[in-house]
Amino acid sequence: MRISSFVTARSLVMYVCILSLAACANMTDTQRRTLTGAGVGAGVGALGASVTGGNAIGGAALGAGVGAVGGYVYDQSKK
C-alpha cells in the first residue's frame, strides 16, 4: 500500500510541475511566483505525507496553500 501512495505522489508532483510550466507563459511576476510556490508546496506536501504514511492528496492541498502564500509573500518582498 505504501508503494502505491508513493507512486501517486510522484505522479501528482509531475503533473503539477508540467502544468505550472505551461501555465506561466502570460503571467505577471506575482502570479508566476504564487503559482510556483503552490506547485512546489504541493509536491513537497504530497511527498511528505506519502512518506510519513499520511494522505498524499491532503498533504498536496495543504502544501499548495502554504506554498502559494509563501510565493506571494516572497513576491511582495521583492517589490
C-alpha atoms as a PDB file:
ATOM      1  CA  MET A   1       0.000   0.000   0.000  1.00  0.00           C
ATOM      2  CA  ARG A   2       2.842   2.414   0.726  1.00  0.00           C
ATOM      3  CA  ILE A   3       4.361   1.991  -2.739  1.00  0.00           C
ATOM      4  CA  SER A   4       1.017   2.874  -4.295  1.00  0.00           C
ATOM      5  CA  SER A   5       0.863   6.117  -2.291  1.00  0.00           C
ATOM      6  CA  PHE A   6       4.420   6.976  -3.298  1.00  0.00           C
ATOM      7  CA  VAL A   7       3.641   6.385  -6.988  1.00  0.00           C
ATOM      8  CA  THR A   8       0.523   8.538  -6.657  1.00  0.00           C
ATOM      9  CA  ALA A   9       2.524  11.306  -5.008  1.00  0.00           C
ATOM     10  CA  ARG A  10       5.197  11.171  -7.712  1.00  0.00           C
ATOM     11  CA  SER A  11       2.556  11.327 -10.432  1.00  0.00           C
ATOM     12  CA  LEU A  12       0.904  14.289  -8.751  1.00  0.00           C
ATOM     13  CA  VAL A  13       4.211  16.115  -8.492  1.00  0.00           C
ATOM     14  CA  MET A  14       4.948  15.506 -12.174  1.00  0.00           C
ATOM     15  CA  TYR A  15       1.527  16.771 -13.278  1.00  0.00           C
ATOM     16  CA  VAL A  16       1.765  19.868 -11.105  1.00  0.00           C
ATOM     17  CA  CYS A  17       5.221  20.699 -12.465  1.00  0.00           C
ATOM     18  CA  ILE A  18       4.143  20.255 -16.082  1.00  0.00           C
ATOM     19  CA  LEU A  19       1.017  22.351 -15.624  1.00  0.00           C
ATOM     20  CA  SER A  20       2.943  25.019 -13.737  1.00  0.00           C
ATOM     21  CA  LEU A  21       5.478  25.390 -16.508  1.00  0.00           C
ATOM     22  CA  ALA A  22       2.844  25.511 -19.233  1.00  0.00           C
ATOM     23  CA  ALA A  23       0.656  28.000 -17.395  1.00  0.00           C
ATOM     24  CA  CYS A  24       3.360  30.606 -16.738  1.00  0.00           C
ATOM     25  CA  ALA A  25       3.618  31.984 -20.276  1.00  0.00           C
ATOM     26  CA  ASN A  26       1.495  35.147 -19.951  1.00  0.00           C
ATOM     27  CA  MET A  27       1.542  35.780 -16.213  1.00  0.00           C
ATOM     28  CA  THR A  28       2.733  38.683 -14.121  1.00  0.00           C
ATOM     29  CA  ASP A  29       5.634  38.154 -11.742  1.00  0.00           C
ATOM     30  CA  THR A  30       3.235  37.980  -8.791  1.00  0.00           C
ATOM     31  CA  GLN A  31       1.100  35.311 -10.441  1.00  0.00           C
ATOM     32  CA  ARG A  32       4.137  33.314 -11.523  1.00  0.00           C
ATOM     33  CA  ARG A  33       5.736  33.362  -8.064  1.00  0.00           C
ATOM     34  CA  THR A  34       2.478  32.458  -6.343  1.00  0.00           C
ATOM     35  CA  LEU A  35       1.858  29.558  -8.720  1.00  0.00           C
ATOM     36  CA  THR A  36       5.427  28.340  -8.427  1.00  0.00           C
ATOM     37  CA  GLY A  37       5.130  28.387  -4.644  1.00  0.00           C
ATOM     38  CA  ALA A  38       1.874  26.445  -4.846  1.00  0.00           C
ATOM     39  CA  GLY A  39       3.393  23.875  -7.181  1.00  0.00           C
ATOM     40  CA  VAL A  40       6.481  23.313  -5.082  1.00  0.00           C
ATOM     41  CA  GLY A  41       4.387  23.255  -1.911  1.00  0.00           C
ATOM     42  CA  ALA A  42       2.019  20.683  -3.390  1.00  0.00           C
ATOM     43  CA  GLY A  43       4.907  18.461  -4.372  1.00  0.00           C
ATOM     44  CA  VAL A  44       6.614  18.690  -1.016  1.00  0.00           C
ATOM     45  CA  GLY A  45       3.323  18.228   0.831  1.00  0.00           C
ATOM     46  CA  ALA A  46       2.343  15.166  -1.192  1.00  0.00           C
ATOM     47  CA  LEU A  47       5.757  13.597  -0.842  1.00  0.00           C
ATOM     48  CA  GLY A  48       5.960  14.340   2.877  1.00  0.00           C
ATOM     49  CA  ALA A  49       2.510  12.943   3.562  1.00  0.00           C
ATOM     50  CA  SER A  50       3.209   9.881   1.450  1.00  0.00           C
ATOM     51  CA  VAL A  51       6.496   9.120   3.179  1.00  0.00           C
ATOM     52  CA  THR A  52       5.020   9.513   6.661  1.00  0.00           C
ATOM     53  CA  GLY A  53       2.004   7.348   5.849  1.00  0.00           C
ATOM     54  CA  GLY A  54      -0.499  10.187   5.553  1.00  0.00           C
ATOM     55  CA  ASN A  55      -2.883  11.135   2.791  1.00  0.00           C
ATOM     56  CA  ALA A  56      -0.899  12.374  -0.231  1.00  0.00           C
ATOM     57  CA  ILE A  57      -3.838  14.391  -1.602  1.00  0.00           C
ATOM     58  CA  GLY A  58      -4.390  16.138   1.718  1.00  0.00           C
ATOM     59  CA  GLY A  59      -0.676  16.826   2.009  1.00  0.00           C
ATOM     60  CA  ALA A  60      -0.615  18.252  -1.507  1.00  0.00           C
ATOM     61  CA  ALA A  61      -3.582  20.508  -0.803  1.00  0.00           C
ATOM     62  CA  LEU A  62      -2.076  21.808   2.422  1.00  0.00           C
ATOM     63  CA  GLY A  63       1.339  22.217   0.822  1.00  0.00           C
ATOM     64  CA  ALA A  64      -0.149  24.088  -2.135  1.00  0.00           C
ATOM     65  CA  GLY A  65      -1.870  26.557   0.176  1.00  0.00           C
ATOM     66  CA  VAL A  66       1.249  27.173   2.225  1.00  0.00           C
ATOM     67  CA  GLY A  67       3.387  27.404  -0.910  1.00  0.00           C
ATOM     68  CA  ALA A  68       1.042  29.881  -2.582  1.00  0.00           C
ATOM     69  CA  VAL A  69       1.133  32.144   0.461  1.00  0.00           C
ATOM     70  CA  GLY A  70       4.914  31.804   0.600  1.00  0.00           C
ATOM     71  CA  GLY A  71       5.260  32.676  -3.091  1.00  0.00           C
ATOM     72  CA  TYR A  72       3.027  35.716  -2.696  1.00  0.00           C
ATOM     73  CA  VAL A  73       4.911  36.950   0.373  1.00  0.00           C
ATOM     74  CA  TYR A  74       8.212  36.447  -1.444  1.00  0.00           C
ATOM     75  CA  ASP A  75       6.907  38.458  -4.410  1.00  0.00           C
ATOM     76  CA  GLN A  76       5.760  41.304  -2.192  1.00  0.00           C
ATOM     77  CA  SER A  77       9.162  41.428  -0.505  1.00  0.00           C
ATOM     78  CA  LYS A  78      10.841  41.797  -3.926  1.00  0.00           C
ATOM     79  CA  LYS A  79       8.751  44.844  -4.890  1.00  0.00           C
END
